[in-house]
Amino acid sequence: MFSKIFGKKEEVNPLENTPSIMGLRIGGSFDVDPLLLRLTESELIVSGCSPTQIIQAAGIVDLDGTWVYRFYTDDEAFLQVIAEGGQNDEHVVDVKLFHFYDTLEIADKAIWDEILSKKIGTPTYDLESQTFERVWTSASEYHNPVHMAEKTFDETGESSETDQFTMLFERPISGNNTESLFISAEEKLEEAGYLSRCLVISTGITLSAAQITIHG
């Protein structure tokens, strides 16, 4: 009766304002070209990639005119979409599928400082006997990590923020393709009031528009 008098309260979608681009969104999914996976997986550090990925969380980084979208999936992976000059589909300049390789907790502040000042921004980075070369250039031999503040949303629409100090590397593989290596030293203020720190290592490949099918 009261709803007839005052009107029914409109329900709010908790995911309405979560990151979305190219039809990618929390609760959606996408397929990666299985032929690409078959042809490249033997050369990649990651193995057993699923061609179908279900998006369980999404994050966004605002870099003053460049936006980094990350869609986290059920395959211990994230699809990273970079848009420049705007946040519409036509502004997308790069799409990469990364899989998490390792996450290392860092409890010692001295180790954290050394990672930021000496470890992340070296010209090359070795992983499983493979040498990756730094993508981002610097006037000096060492490149300070690039800071990214990511706001990440889960399946309920709840959000959290993480400071990330990052570096990108890559190495050539067959077919004029590359394998990417993304290093991120991550720092988060926990509800208890302390800072948690970890080093996240991920490897990935670049996807063209023809190599990904998005299901809204």
N, C-alpha and C. Protein backbone atom coordinates (compact mmCIF):
# COMPACT_ATOMS: atom_id res chain seq x y z
N MET A 1 0.82 -1.20 0.00
CA MET A 1 0.00 0.00 0.00
C MET A 1 0.86 1.26 0.00
N PHE A 2 1.88 1.28 0.91
CA PHE A 2 2.73 2.47 1.00
C PHE A 2 3.49 2.72 -0.31
N SER A 3 3.86 1.60 -1.00
CA SER A 3 4.58 1.77 -2.26
C SER A 3 3.71 2.44 -3.30
N LYS A 4 2.39 2.24 -3.21
CA LYS A 4 1.49 2.89 -4.16
C LYS A 4 1.40 4.39 -3.88
N ILE A 5 1.46 4.73 -2.57
CA ILE A 5 1.34 6.13 -2.18
C ILE A 5 2.61 6.90 -2.49
N PHE A 6 3.73 6.35 -2.07
CA PHE A 6 5.01 7.07 -2.18
C PHE A 6 5.81 6.68 -3.42
N GLY A 7 5.37 5.65 -4.09
CA GLY A 7 6.12 5.18 -5.25
C GLY A 7 7.14 4.14 -4.85
N LYS A 8 7.36 3.18 -5.70
CA LYS A 8 8.32 2.11 -5.41
C LYS A 8 9.74 2.63 -5.51
N LYS A 9 10.54 2.32 -4.52
CA LYS A 9 11.94 2.78 -4.49
C LYS A 9 12.73 2.09 -5.61
N GLU A 10 13.39 2.89 -6.40
CA GLU A 10 14.14 2.34 -7.54
C GLU A 10 15.40 1.63 -7.04
N GLU A 11 15.61 0.42 -7.50
CA GLU A 11 16.78 -0.34 -7.10
C GLU A 11 18.01 0.18 -7.83
N VAL A 12 19.12 0.25 -7.08
CA VAL A 12 20.38 0.73 -7.64
C VAL A 12 21.28 -0.45 -7.94
N ASN A 13 21.81 -0.50 -9.15
CA ASN A 13 22.73 -1.56 -9.53
C ASN A 13 24.09 -1.26 -8.92
N PRO A 14 24.60 -2.10 -8.01
CA PRO A 14 25.88 -1.80 -7.36
C PRO A 14 27.07 -1.81 -8.32
N LEU A 15 26.89 -2.37 -9.52
CA LEU A 15 27.98 -2.44 -10.49
C LEU A 15 27.87 -1.36 -11.57
N GLU A 16 26.89 -0.46 -11.40
CA GLU A 16 26.62 0.52 -12.45
C GLU A 16 27.82 1.40 -12.76
N ASN A 17 28.57 1.79 -11.74
CA ASN A 17 29.69 2.71 -11.93
C ASN A 17 31.06 2.04 -11.84
N THR A 18 31.08 0.73 -12.03
CA THR A 18 32.36 0.02 -12.03
C THR A 18 33.01 0.12 -13.41
N PRO A 19 34.32 -0.07 -13.52
CA PRO A 19 35.02 0.11 -14.80
C PRO A 19 34.44 -0.78 -15.91
N SER A 20 34.30 -0.17 -17.10
CA SER A 20 33.79 -0.90 -18.26
C SER A 20 34.29 -0.22 -19.52
N ILE A 21 34.73 -1.03 -20.47
CA ILE A 21 35.15 -0.52 -21.78
C ILE A 21 35.13 -1.69 -22.77
N MET A 22 34.85 -1.43 -24.01
CA MET A 22 34.81 -2.46 -25.06
C MET A 22 33.80 -3.56 -24.76
N GLY A 23 32.82 -3.28 -23.89
CA GLY A 23 31.87 -4.31 -23.50
C GLY A 23 32.36 -5.18 -22.35
N LEU A 24 33.57 -4.94 -21.89
CA LEU A 24 34.12 -5.67 -20.74
C LEU A 24 33.54 -5.12 -19.45
N ARG A 25 33.15 -6.00 -18.54
CA ARG A 25 32.56 -5.56 -17.28
C ARG A 25 32.60 -6.72 -16.29
N ILE A 26 32.41 -6.40 -15.02
CA ILE A 26 32.32 -7.44 -14.00
C ILE A 26 31.09 -8.31 -14.28
N GLY A 27 31.29 -9.61 -14.23
CA GLY A 27 30.21 -10.55 -14.52
C GLY A 27 30.16 -10.98 -15.97
N GLY A 28 30.88 -10.27 -16.83
CA GLY A 28 30.96 -10.66 -18.23
C GLY A 28 32.08 -11.65 -18.46
N SER A 29 32.36 -11.92 -19.72
CA SER A 29 33.42 -12.86 -20.04
C SER A 29 33.99 -12.53 -21.42
N PHE A 30 35.09 -13.17 -21.74
CA PHE A 30 35.66 -13.02 -23.08
C PHE A 30 36.40 -14.30 -23.45
N ASP A 31 36.54 -14.50 -24.75
CA ASP A 31 37.28 -15.64 -25.28
C ASP A 31 38.54 -15.16 -25.98
N VAL A 32 39.62 -15.90 -25.77
CA VAL A 32 40.87 -15.64 -26.47
C VAL A 32 41.02 -16.67 -27.58
N ASP A 33 41.46 -16.22 -28.74
CA ASP A 33 41.61 -17.10 -29.90
C ASP A 33 42.40 -18.36 -29.51
N PRO A 34 41.78 -19.55 -29.53
CA PRO A 34 42.49 -20.77 -29.13
C PRO A 34 43.68 -21.09 -30.03
N LEU A 35 43.62 -20.66 -31.30
CA LEU A 35 44.74 -20.90 -32.20
C LEU A 35 45.97 -20.12 -31.73
N LEU A 36 45.76 -18.88 -31.30
CA LEU A 36 46.87 -18.08 -30.76
C LEU A 36 47.50 -18.79 -29.57
N LEU A 37 46.68 -19.31 -28.68
CA LEU A 37 47.20 -19.99 -27.49
C LEU A 37 47.98 -21.24 -27.88
N ARG A 38 47.47 -22.01 -28.85
CA ARG A 38 48.15 -23.23 -29.27
C ARG A 38 49.51 -22.91 -29.90
N LEU A 39 49.56 -21.84 -30.68
CA LEU A 39 50.79 -21.51 -31.41
C LEU A 39 51.87 -20.90 -30.50
N THR A 40 51.45 -20.23 -29.44
CA THR A 40 52.43 -19.50 -28.63
C THR A 40 52.71 -20.11 -27.26
N GLU A 41 51.81 -20.94 -26.75
CA GLU A 41 51.93 -21.35 -25.36
C GLU A 41 53.22 -22.10 -25.05
N SER A 42 53.73 -22.86 -26.01
CA SER A 42 54.97 -23.60 -25.75
C SER A 42 56.16 -22.66 -25.52
N GLU A 43 56.06 -21.43 -25.99
CA GLU A 43 57.13 -20.45 -25.80
C GLU A 43 56.93 -19.58 -24.56
N LEU A 44 55.74 -19.59 -24.01
CA LEU A 44 55.41 -18.69 -22.91
C LEU A 44 55.76 -19.31 -21.56
N ILE A 45 55.97 -18.46 -20.59
CA ILE A 45 56.23 -18.94 -19.23
C ILE A 45 54.97 -19.54 -18.63
N VAL A 46 53.82 -18.92 -18.89
CA VAL A 46 52.57 -19.45 -18.38
C VAL A 46 52.16 -20.67 -19.20
N SER A 47 51.42 -21.57 -18.57
CA SER A 47 50.90 -22.75 -19.28
C SER A 47 49.46 -23.00 -18.85
N GLY A 48 48.74 -23.71 -19.69
CA GLY A 48 47.36 -24.06 -19.36
C GLY A 48 46.39 -22.90 -19.36
N CYS A 49 46.62 -21.91 -20.23
CA CYS A 49 45.71 -20.75 -20.30
C CYS A 49 44.32 -21.20 -20.76
N SER A 50 43.31 -20.72 -20.10
CA SER A 50 41.95 -21.02 -20.52
C SER A 50 41.53 -20.07 -21.64
N PRO A 51 40.95 -20.58 -22.73
CA PRO A 51 40.50 -19.69 -23.80
C PRO A 51 39.30 -18.84 -23.39
N THR A 52 38.55 -19.30 -22.37
CA THR A 52 37.40 -18.54 -21.87
C THR A 52 37.71 -17.99 -20.49
N GLN A 53 37.52 -16.68 -20.32
CA GLN A 53 37.84 -16.00 -19.07
C GLN A 53 36.59 -15.29 -18.55
N ILE A 54 36.26 -15.52 -17.28
CA ILE A 54 35.11 -14.88 -16.65
C ILE A 54 35.60 -13.76 -15.74
N ILE A 55 35.07 -12.57 -15.91
CA ILE A 55 35.54 -11.40 -15.17
C ILE A 55 34.89 -11.34 -13.79
N GLN A 56 35.72 -11.33 -12.76
CA GLN A 56 35.25 -11.33 -11.38
C GLN A 56 35.49 -10.00 -10.65
N ALA A 57 36.38 -9.18 -11.16
CA ALA A 57 36.67 -7.88 -10.55
C ALA A 57 37.23 -6.97 -11.63
N ALA A 58 37.23 -5.67 -11.36
CA ALA A 58 37.74 -4.72 -12.35
C ALA A 58 38.39 -3.53 -11.64
N GLY A 59 39.47 -3.03 -12.24
CA GLY A 59 40.17 -1.89 -11.67
C GLY A 59 40.43 -0.83 -12.72
N ILE A 60 40.71 0.38 -12.27
CA ILE A 60 41.03 1.47 -13.19
C ILE A 60 42.10 2.36 -12.59
N VAL A 61 43.00 2.83 -13.46
CA VAL A 61 44.06 3.76 -13.09
C VAL A 61 43.94 4.98 -13.99
N ASP A 62 43.93 6.16 -13.40
CA ASP A 62 43.87 7.42 -14.16
C ASP A 62 45.26 8.04 -14.17
N LEU A 63 45.84 8.13 -15.37
CA LEU A 63 47.19 8.68 -15.51
C LEU A 63 47.18 10.00 -16.29
N ASP A 64 46.22 10.86 -16.00
CA ASP A 64 46.14 12.19 -16.64
C ASP A 64 46.10 12.10 -18.16
N GLY A 65 45.01 11.58 -18.68
CA GLY A 65 44.85 11.48 -20.13
C GLY A 65 45.04 10.08 -20.67
N THR A 66 45.57 9.20 -19.84
CA THR A 66 45.68 7.77 -20.17
C THR A 66 45.00 6.99 -19.06
N TRP A 67 44.17 6.03 -19.44
CA TRP A 67 43.47 5.20 -18.46
C TRP A 67 43.87 3.75 -18.65
N VAL A 68 44.16 3.11 -17.54
CA VAL A 68 44.51 1.69 -17.54
C VAL A 68 43.37 0.93 -16.89
N TYR A 69 42.70 0.09 -17.67
CA TYR A 69 41.63 -0.77 -17.16
C TYR A 69 42.19 -2.17 -16.94
N ARG A 70 41.80 -2.79 -15.84
CA ARG A 70 42.19 -4.19 -15.60
C ARG A 70 40.95 -4.99 -15.21
N PHE A 71 40.75 -6.10 -15.92
CA PHE A 71 39.62 -6.98 -15.67
C PHE A 71 40.15 -8.32 -15.18
N TYR A 72 39.90 -8.61 -13.91
CA TYR A 72 40.48 -9.78 -13.25
C TYR A 72 39.56 -10.98 -13.42
N THR A 73 40.15 -12.12 -13.78
CA THR A 73 39.34 -13.27 -14.18
C THR A 73 39.52 -14.48 -13.27
N ASP A 74 38.72 -15.50 -13.57
CA ASP A 74 38.74 -16.74 -12.79
C ASP A 74 39.93 -17.63 -13.14
N ASP A 75 40.79 -17.19 -14.06
CA ASP A 75 41.93 -17.99 -14.51
C ASP A 75 43.25 -17.46 -13.94
N GLU A 76 43.17 -16.77 -12.77
CA GLU A 76 44.35 -16.14 -12.17
C GLU A 76 45.02 -15.21 -13.19
N ALA A 77 44.19 -14.41 -13.84
CA ALA A 77 44.67 -13.56 -14.93
C ALA A 77 43.98 -12.21 -14.87
N PHE A 78 44.47 -11.27 -15.66
CA PHE A 78 43.77 -10.01 -15.85
C PHE A 78 44.01 -9.50 -17.26
N LEU A 79 42.93 -8.97 -17.85
CA LEU A 79 43.02 -8.34 -19.16
C LEU A 79 43.25 -6.86 -18.93
N GLN A 80 44.35 -6.35 -19.46
CA GLN A 80 44.68 -4.93 -19.29
C GLN A 80 44.39 -4.19 -20.59
N VAL A 81 43.58 -3.15 -20.49
CA VAL A 81 43.19 -2.33 -21.64
C VAL A 81 43.65 -0.90 -21.38
N ILE A 82 44.42 -0.34 -22.31
CA ILE A 82 44.91 1.03 -22.16
C ILE A 82 44.21 1.93 -23.17
N ALA A 83 43.66 3.02 -22.67
CA ALA A 83 42.98 4.01 -23.52
C ALA A 83 43.69 5.35 -23.37
N GLU A 84 43.89 6.03 -24.49
CA GLU A 84 44.57 7.32 -24.48
C GLU A 84 43.68 8.40 -25.10
N GLY A 85 43.60 9.55 -24.42
CA GLY A 85 42.84 10.68 -24.95
C GLY A 85 41.35 10.61 -24.72
N GLY A 86 40.87 9.55 -24.11
CA GLY A 86 39.44 9.39 -23.84
C GLY A 86 39.17 7.99 -23.34
N GLN A 87 37.93 7.75 -22.93
CA GLN A 87 37.59 6.47 -22.32
C GLN A 87 36.56 5.68 -23.11
N ASN A 88 36.48 5.97 -24.41
CA ASN A 88 35.60 5.20 -25.28
C ASN A 88 36.40 4.14 -26.03
N ASP A 89 35.67 3.25 -26.70
CA ASP A 89 36.33 2.14 -27.39
C ASP A 89 37.35 2.61 -28.41
N GLU A 90 37.07 3.72 -29.09
CA GLU A 90 37.98 4.20 -30.13
C GLU A 90 39.30 4.73 -29.56
N HIS A 91 39.36 4.91 -28.24
CA HIS A 91 40.58 5.42 -27.62
C HIS A 91 41.52 4.29 -27.17
N VAL A 92 41.09 3.04 -27.34
CA VAL A 92 41.91 1.90 -26.90
C VAL A 92 43.13 1.76 -27.80
N VAL A 93 44.31 1.69 -27.17
CA VAL A 93 45.56 1.58 -27.93
C VAL A 93 46.32 0.28 -27.65
N ASP A 94 45.94 -0.45 -26.61
CA ASP A 94 46.69 -1.66 -26.29
C ASP A 94 45.84 -2.58 -25.43
N VAL A 95 45.88 -3.87 -25.74
CA VAL A 95 45.17 -4.89 -24.95
C VAL A 95 46.13 -6.03 -24.69
N LYS A 96 46.31 -6.37 -23.42
CA LYS A 96 47.21 -7.48 -23.06
C LYS A 96 46.52 -8.39 -22.05
N LEU A 97 46.75 -9.68 -22.20
CA LEU A 97 46.26 -10.66 -21.23
C LEU A 97 47.44 -11.11 -20.38
N PHE A 98 47.37 -10.82 -19.08
CA PHE A 98 48.42 -11.21 -18.15
C PHE A 98 47.94 -12.34 -17.25
N HIS A 99 48.86 -13.22 -16.88
CA HIS A 99 48.61 -14.22 -15.86
C HIS A 99 49.59 -13.99 -14.70
N PHE A 100 49.08 -14.15 -13.49
CA PHE A 100 49.93 -13.98 -12.31
C PHE A 100 50.95 -15.11 -12.23
N TYR A 101 52.20 -14.73 -12.10
CA TYR A 101 53.27 -15.72 -11.96
C TYR A 101 53.61 -15.96 -10.49
N ASP A 102 53.74 -14.89 -9.71
CA ASP A 102 54.09 -15.03 -8.30
C ASP A 102 53.73 -13.76 -7.55
N THR A 103 53.43 -13.91 -6.27
CA THR A 103 53.22 -12.78 -5.37
C THR A 103 54.05 -13.01 -4.12
N LEU A 104 54.95 -12.07 -3.84
CA LEU A 104 55.87 -12.19 -2.72
C LEU A 104 55.56 -11.12 -1.68
N GLU A 105 55.25 -11.54 -0.47
CA GLU A 105 55.00 -10.57 0.59
C GLU A 105 56.32 -9.91 1.02
N ILE A 106 56.25 -8.62 1.33
CA ILE A 106 57.44 -7.88 1.75
C ILE A 106 57.14 -7.26 3.11
N ALA A 107 57.71 -7.83 4.14
CA ALA A 107 57.45 -7.35 5.50
C ALA A 107 58.49 -6.34 5.96
N ASP A 108 59.68 -6.37 5.35
CA ASP A 108 60.79 -5.52 5.78
C ASP A 108 60.82 -4.24 4.94
N LYS A 109 60.78 -3.08 5.61
CA LYS A 109 60.79 -1.79 4.90
C LYS A 109 62.08 -1.59 4.12
N ALA A 110 63.21 -2.07 4.65
CA ALA A 110 64.49 -1.92 3.96
C ALA A 110 64.49 -2.69 2.65
N ILE A 111 63.90 -3.89 2.65
CA ILE A 111 63.80 -4.67 1.41
C ILE A 111 62.89 -3.97 0.42
N TRP A 112 61.78 -3.42 0.90
CA TRP A 112 60.86 -2.66 0.05
C TRP A 112 61.58 -1.50 -0.62
N ASP A 113 62.34 -0.74 0.14
CA ASP A 113 63.06 0.41 -0.40
C ASP A 113 64.09 -0.01 -1.45
N GLU A 114 64.76 -1.15 -1.20
CA GLU A 114 65.76 -1.63 -2.15
C GLU A 114 65.10 -2.07 -3.45
N ILE A 115 63.93 -2.71 -3.35
CA ILE A 115 63.20 -3.14 -4.55
C ILE A 115 62.87 -1.93 -5.42
N LEU A 116 62.40 -0.86 -4.80
CA LEU A 116 62.00 0.33 -5.55
C LEU A 116 63.21 1.07 -6.15
N SER A 117 64.31 1.10 -5.42
CA SER A 117 65.45 1.93 -5.86
C SER A 117 66.48 1.18 -6.69
N LYS A 118 66.46 -0.19 -6.63
CA LYS A 118 67.52 -0.94 -7.30
C LYS A 118 67.06 -2.14 -8.13
N LYS A 119 65.87 -2.65 -7.87
CA LYS A 119 65.47 -3.94 -8.45
C LYS A 119 64.52 -3.84 -9.64
N ILE A 120 63.48 -3.01 -9.52
CA ILE A 120 62.41 -3.02 -10.51
C ILE A 120 62.82 -2.40 -11.84
N GLY A 121 63.56 -1.30 -11.79
CA GLY A 121 63.81 -0.54 -13.01
C GLY A 121 65.10 -0.83 -13.73
N THR A 122 65.65 -2.02 -13.56
CA THR A 122 66.90 -2.39 -14.25
C THR A 122 66.64 -2.57 -15.75
N PRO A 123 67.67 -2.46 -16.59
CA PRO A 123 67.48 -2.58 -18.04
C PRO A 123 66.91 -3.93 -18.47
N THR A 124 67.26 -4.99 -17.74
CA THR A 124 66.74 -6.31 -18.06
C THR A 124 66.26 -7.00 -16.79
N TYR A 125 65.41 -8.01 -16.97
CA TYR A 125 64.90 -8.78 -15.83
C TYR A 125 64.85 -10.25 -16.26
N ASP A 126 65.45 -11.12 -15.49
CA ASP A 126 65.49 -12.55 -15.82
C ASP A 126 64.42 -13.31 -15.05
N LEU A 127 63.72 -14.18 -15.78
CA LEU A 127 62.69 -15.01 -15.18
C LEU A 127 62.69 -16.36 -15.88
N GLU A 128 62.90 -17.42 -15.11
CA GLU A 128 62.93 -18.79 -15.65
C GLU A 128 63.85 -18.90 -16.87
N SER A 129 65.07 -18.41 -16.71
CA SER A 129 66.12 -18.49 -17.74
C SER A 129 65.81 -17.67 -18.99
N GLN A 130 64.81 -16.82 -18.92
CA GLN A 130 64.47 -15.93 -20.04
C GLN A 130 64.82 -14.50 -19.64
N THR A 131 65.38 -13.75 -20.58
CA THR A 131 65.74 -12.36 -20.32
C THR A 131 64.76 -11.42 -21.00
N PHE A 132 64.14 -10.57 -20.20
CA PHE A 132 63.19 -9.58 -20.69
C PHE A 132 63.87 -8.21 -20.66
N GLU A 133 63.63 -7.40 -21.68
CA GLU A 133 64.20 -6.06 -21.74
C GLU A 133 63.15 -5.02 -21.36
N ARG A 134 63.60 -4.02 -20.64
CA ARG A 134 62.70 -2.96 -20.18
C ARG A 134 62.11 -2.22 -21.38
N VAL A 135 60.79 -1.98 -21.33
CA VAL A 135 60.10 -1.29 -22.41
C VAL A 135 60.20 0.22 -22.23
N TRP A 136 60.00 0.68 -21.02
CA TRP A 136 60.00 2.12 -20.76
C TRP A 136 61.44 2.63 -20.71
N THR A 137 61.71 3.69 -21.48
CA THR A 137 63.07 4.20 -21.61
C THR A 137 63.38 5.24 -20.54
N SER A 138 64.68 5.42 -20.31
CA SER A 138 65.14 6.38 -19.32
C SER A 138 66.48 6.94 -19.75
N ALA A 139 66.77 8.18 -19.34
CA ALA A 139 68.06 8.79 -19.66
C ALA A 139 69.18 8.12 -18.91
N SER A 140 68.86 7.50 -17.79
CA SER A 140 69.86 6.79 -16.99
C SER A 140 69.64 5.28 -17.12
N GLU A 141 70.59 4.52 -16.63
CA GLU A 141 70.47 3.06 -16.74
C GLU A 141 69.29 2.54 -15.94
N TYR A 142 69.08 3.11 -14.77
CA TYR A 142 67.96 2.67 -13.92
C TYR A 142 66.76 3.58 -14.14
N HIS A 143 65.58 2.96 -14.29
CA HIS A 143 64.33 3.70 -14.47
C HIS A 143 63.51 3.55 -13.19
N ASN A 144 63.21 4.68 -12.56
CA ASN A 144 62.37 4.61 -11.36
C ASN A 144 61.01 4.01 -11.70
N PRO A 145 60.45 3.20 -10.82
CA PRO A 145 59.14 2.60 -11.09
C PRO A 145 58.08 3.67 -11.36
N VAL A 146 57.12 3.33 -12.22
CA VAL A 146 56.03 4.23 -12.56
C VAL A 146 54.89 4.01 -11.57
N HIS A 147 54.46 5.08 -10.92
CA HIS A 147 53.40 4.96 -9.91
C HIS A 147 52.03 4.90 -10.55
N MET A 148 51.23 3.95 -10.10
CA MET A 148 49.83 3.84 -10.51
C MET A 148 48.98 3.64 -9.27
N ALA A 149 47.92 4.42 -9.15
CA ALA A 149 46.96 4.25 -8.05
C ALA A 149 45.71 3.59 -8.63
N GLU A 150 45.52 2.32 -8.30
CA GLU A 150 44.40 1.58 -8.88
C GLU A 150 43.24 1.49 -7.91
N LYS A 151 42.05 1.78 -8.42
CA LYS A 151 40.82 1.56 -7.67
C LYS A 151 40.16 0.31 -8.23
N THR A 152 39.99 -0.69 -7.38
CA THR A 152 39.52 -2.00 -7.82
C THR A 152 38.16 -2.31 -7.20
N PHE A 153 37.25 -2.85 -8.01
CA PHE A 153 35.90 -3.18 -7.58
C PHE A 153 35.69 -4.69 -7.65
N ASP A 154 35.00 -5.24 -6.64
CA ASP A 154 34.70 -6.67 -6.66
C ASP A 154 33.29 -6.91 -7.19
N GLU A 155 32.82 -8.14 -7.10
CA GLU A 155 31.53 -8.52 -7.69
C GLU A 155 30.33 -7.89 -6.98
N THR A 156 30.54 -7.34 -5.78
CA THR A 156 29.46 -6.68 -5.05
C THR A 156 29.46 -5.17 -5.28
N GLY A 157 30.48 -4.67 -5.99
CA GLY A 157 30.61 -3.24 -6.20
C GLY A 157 31.45 -2.54 -5.16
N GLU A 158 31.90 -3.28 -4.14
CA GLU A 158 32.79 -2.70 -3.13
C GLU A 158 34.16 -2.41 -3.75
N SER A 159 34.80 -1.34 -3.30
CA SER A 159 36.07 -0.95 -3.91
C SER A 159 37.19 -0.85 -2.87
N SER A 160 38.42 -0.93 -3.37
CA SER A 160 39.61 -0.74 -2.55
C SER A 160 40.65 -0.05 -3.42
N GLU A 161 41.65 0.55 -2.79
CA GLU A 161 42.67 1.28 -3.53
C GLU A 161 44.06 0.74 -3.18
N THR A 162 44.90 0.66 -4.20
CA THR A 162 46.26 0.14 -4.06
C THR A 162 47.23 1.05 -4.78
N ASP A 163 48.33 1.39 -4.11
CA ASP A 163 49.43 2.10 -4.77
C ASP A 163 50.37 1.07 -5.38
N GLN A 164 50.68 1.25 -6.65
CA GLN A 164 51.52 0.30 -7.37
C GLN A 164 52.71 1.03 -7.99
N PHE A 165 53.88 0.43 -7.85
CA PHE A 165 55.10 0.99 -8.43
C PHE A 165 55.59 -0.03 -9.45
N THR A 166 55.49 0.32 -10.73
CA THR A 166 55.47 -0.70 -11.79
C THR A 166 56.57 -0.51 -12.83
N MET A 167 56.82 -1.62 -13.54
CA MET A 167 57.74 -1.59 -14.67
C MET A 167 57.32 -2.68 -15.66
N LEU A 168 57.49 -2.38 -16.95
CA LEU A 168 57.11 -3.32 -18.01
C LEU A 168 58.33 -3.75 -18.80
N PHE A 169 58.43 -5.05 -19.03
CA PHE A 169 59.51 -5.64 -19.81
C PHE A 169 58.89 -6.52 -20.90
N GLU A 170 59.70 -6.88 -21.90
CA GLU A 170 59.22 -7.83 -22.91
C GLU A 170 60.39 -8.55 -23.57
N ARG A 171 60.05 -9.66 -24.20
CA ARG A 171 61.05 -10.42 -24.97
C ARG A 171 60.38 -10.93 -26.23
N PRO A 172 61.13 -11.08 -27.32
CA PRO A 172 60.52 -11.54 -28.57
C PRO A 172 60.22 -13.04 -28.53
N ILE A 173 59.12 -13.41 -29.16
CA ILE A 173 58.82 -14.82 -29.42
C ILE A 173 58.50 -14.92 -30.90
N SER A 174 58.17 -16.10 -31.38
CA SER A 174 57.98 -16.29 -32.82
C SER A 174 56.78 -15.52 -33.36
N GLY A 175 56.78 -15.32 -34.67
CA GLY A 175 55.67 -14.66 -35.34
C GLY A 175 55.58 -13.18 -35.09
N ASN A 176 56.72 -12.55 -34.83
CA ASN A 176 56.75 -11.11 -34.53
C ASN A 176 55.95 -10.75 -33.29
N ASN A 177 55.74 -11.70 -32.42
CA ASN A 177 55.02 -11.47 -31.17
C ASN A 177 56.01 -11.26 -30.03
N THR A 178 55.50 -10.83 -28.89
CA THR A 178 56.33 -10.67 -27.70
C THR A 178 55.62 -11.25 -26.49
N GLU A 179 56.41 -11.65 -25.51
CA GLU A 179 55.88 -11.99 -24.19
C GLU A 179 56.23 -10.84 -23.26
N SER A 180 55.26 -10.34 -22.54
CA SER A 180 55.46 -9.21 -21.64
C SER A 180 55.66 -9.70 -20.21
N LEU A 181 56.38 -8.90 -19.46
CA LEU A 181 56.60 -9.15 -18.04
C LEU A 181 56.25 -7.87 -17.30
N PHE A 182 55.30 -7.95 -16.39
CA PHE A 182 54.85 -6.78 -15.64
C PHE A 182 55.20 -6.98 -14.17
N ILE A 183 56.00 -6.05 -13.65
CA ILE A 183 56.42 -6.11 -12.25
C ILE A 183 55.73 -4.99 -11.50
N SER A 184 55.11 -5.31 -10.37
CA SER A 184 54.39 -4.30 -9.60
C SER A 184 54.65 -4.48 -8.11
N ALA A 185 55.29 -3.47 -7.51
CA ALA A 185 55.44 -3.44 -6.05
C ALA A 185 54.21 -2.72 -5.51
N GLU A 186 53.40 -3.43 -4.72
CA GLU A 186 52.09 -2.92 -4.35
C GLU A 186 52.00 -2.66 -2.85
N GLU A 187 51.37 -1.52 -2.53
CA GLU A 187 51.27 -1.06 -1.15
C GLU A 187 49.82 -0.68 -0.89
N LYS A 188 49.26 -1.21 0.19
CA LYS A 188 47.84 -0.98 0.48
C LYS A 188 47.65 -0.70 1.97
N LEU A 189 46.85 0.32 2.26
CA LEU A 189 46.51 0.63 3.65
C LEU A 189 45.35 -0.26 4.07
N GLU A 190 45.61 -1.15 5.00
CA GLU A 190 44.60 -2.09 5.45
C GLU A 190 43.67 -1.43 6.48
N GLU A 191 42.50 -2.04 6.68
CA GLU A 191 41.52 -1.49 7.61
C GLU A 191 42.07 -1.38 9.03
N ALA A 192 42.99 -2.25 9.37
CA ALA A 192 43.58 -2.23 10.72
C ALA A 192 44.56 -1.07 10.89
N GLY A 193 44.88 -0.36 9.80
CA GLY A 193 45.72 0.82 9.92
C GLY A 193 47.18 0.63 9.55
N TYR A 194 47.56 -0.57 9.09
CA TYR A 194 48.94 -0.81 8.71
C TYR A 194 49.05 -0.95 7.19
N LEU A 195 50.27 -0.77 6.68
CA LEU A 195 50.52 -0.91 5.25
C LEU A 195 50.96 -2.34 4.94
N SER A 196 50.27 -2.99 4.02
CA SER A 196 50.72 -4.30 3.52
C SER A 196 51.45 -4.07 2.21
N ARG A 197 52.53 -4.81 1.99
CA ARG A 197 53.34 -4.64 0.79
C ARG A 197 53.63 -6.00 0.17
N CYS A 198 53.66 -6.04 -1.16
CA CYS A 198 54.00 -7.27 -1.87
C CYS A 198 54.56 -6.93 -3.24
N LEU A 199 55.26 -7.90 -3.80
CA LEU A 199 55.79 -7.78 -5.16
C LEU A 199 55.03 -8.77 -6.04
N VAL A 200 54.36 -8.26 -7.06
CA VAL A 200 53.53 -9.09 -7.93
C VAL A 200 54.20 -9.19 -9.31
N ILE A 201 54.41 -10.42 -9.76
CA ILE A 201 55.05 -10.68 -11.05
C ILE A 201 54.03 -11.35 -11.96
N SER A 202 53.83 -10.77 -13.15
CA SER A 202 52.86 -11.31 -14.11
C SER A 202 53.48 -11.35 -15.50
N THR A 203 53.08 -12.33 -16.29
CA THR A 203 53.53 -12.42 -17.67
C THR A 203 52.32 -12.42 -18.59
N GLY A 204 52.52 -11.90 -19.82
CA GLY A 204 51.36 -11.80 -20.69
C GLY A 204 51.69 -11.68 -22.16
N ILE A 205 50.63 -11.60 -22.95
CA ILE A 205 50.75 -11.45 -24.40
C ILE A 205 49.81 -10.34 -24.86
N THR A 206 50.16 -9.73 -25.99
CA THR A 206 49.33 -8.69 -26.59
C THR A 206 48.26 -9.33 -27.47
N LEU A 207 47.04 -8.79 -27.41
CA LEU A 207 45.94 -9.31 -28.20
C LEU A 207 45.47 -8.26 -29.21
N SER A 208 45.21 -8.69 -30.42
CA SER A 208 44.60 -7.83 -31.42
C SER A 208 43.08 -7.96 -31.31
N ALA A 209 42.35 -7.09 -32.01
CA ALA A 209 40.89 -7.13 -31.97
C ALA A 209 40.36 -8.46 -32.48
N ALA A 210 41.07 -9.07 -33.42
CA ALA A 210 40.62 -10.34 -34.00
C ALA A 210 40.88 -11.52 -33.07
N GLN A 211 41.69 -11.32 -32.05
CA GLN A 211 42.08 -12.43 -31.17
C GLN A 211 41.29 -12.47 -29.87
N ILE A 212 40.30 -11.60 -29.73
CA ILE A 212 39.48 -11.59 -28.51
C ILE A 212 38.03 -11.40 -28.88
N THR A 213 37.17 -12.21 -28.26
CA THR A 213 35.73 -12.10 -28.44
C THR A 213 35.12 -11.79 -27.08
N ILE A 214 34.42 -10.66 -26.99
CA ILE A 214 33.89 -10.20 -25.71
C ILE A 214 32.42 -10.50 -25.61
N HIS A 215 32.02 -11.09 -24.47
CA HIS A 215 30.63 -11.40 -24.19
C HIS A 215 30.17 -10.48 -23.06
N GLY A 216 29.20 -9.63 -23.33
CA GLY A 216 28.75 -8.67 -22.34
C GLY A 216 27.98 -9.30 -21.20
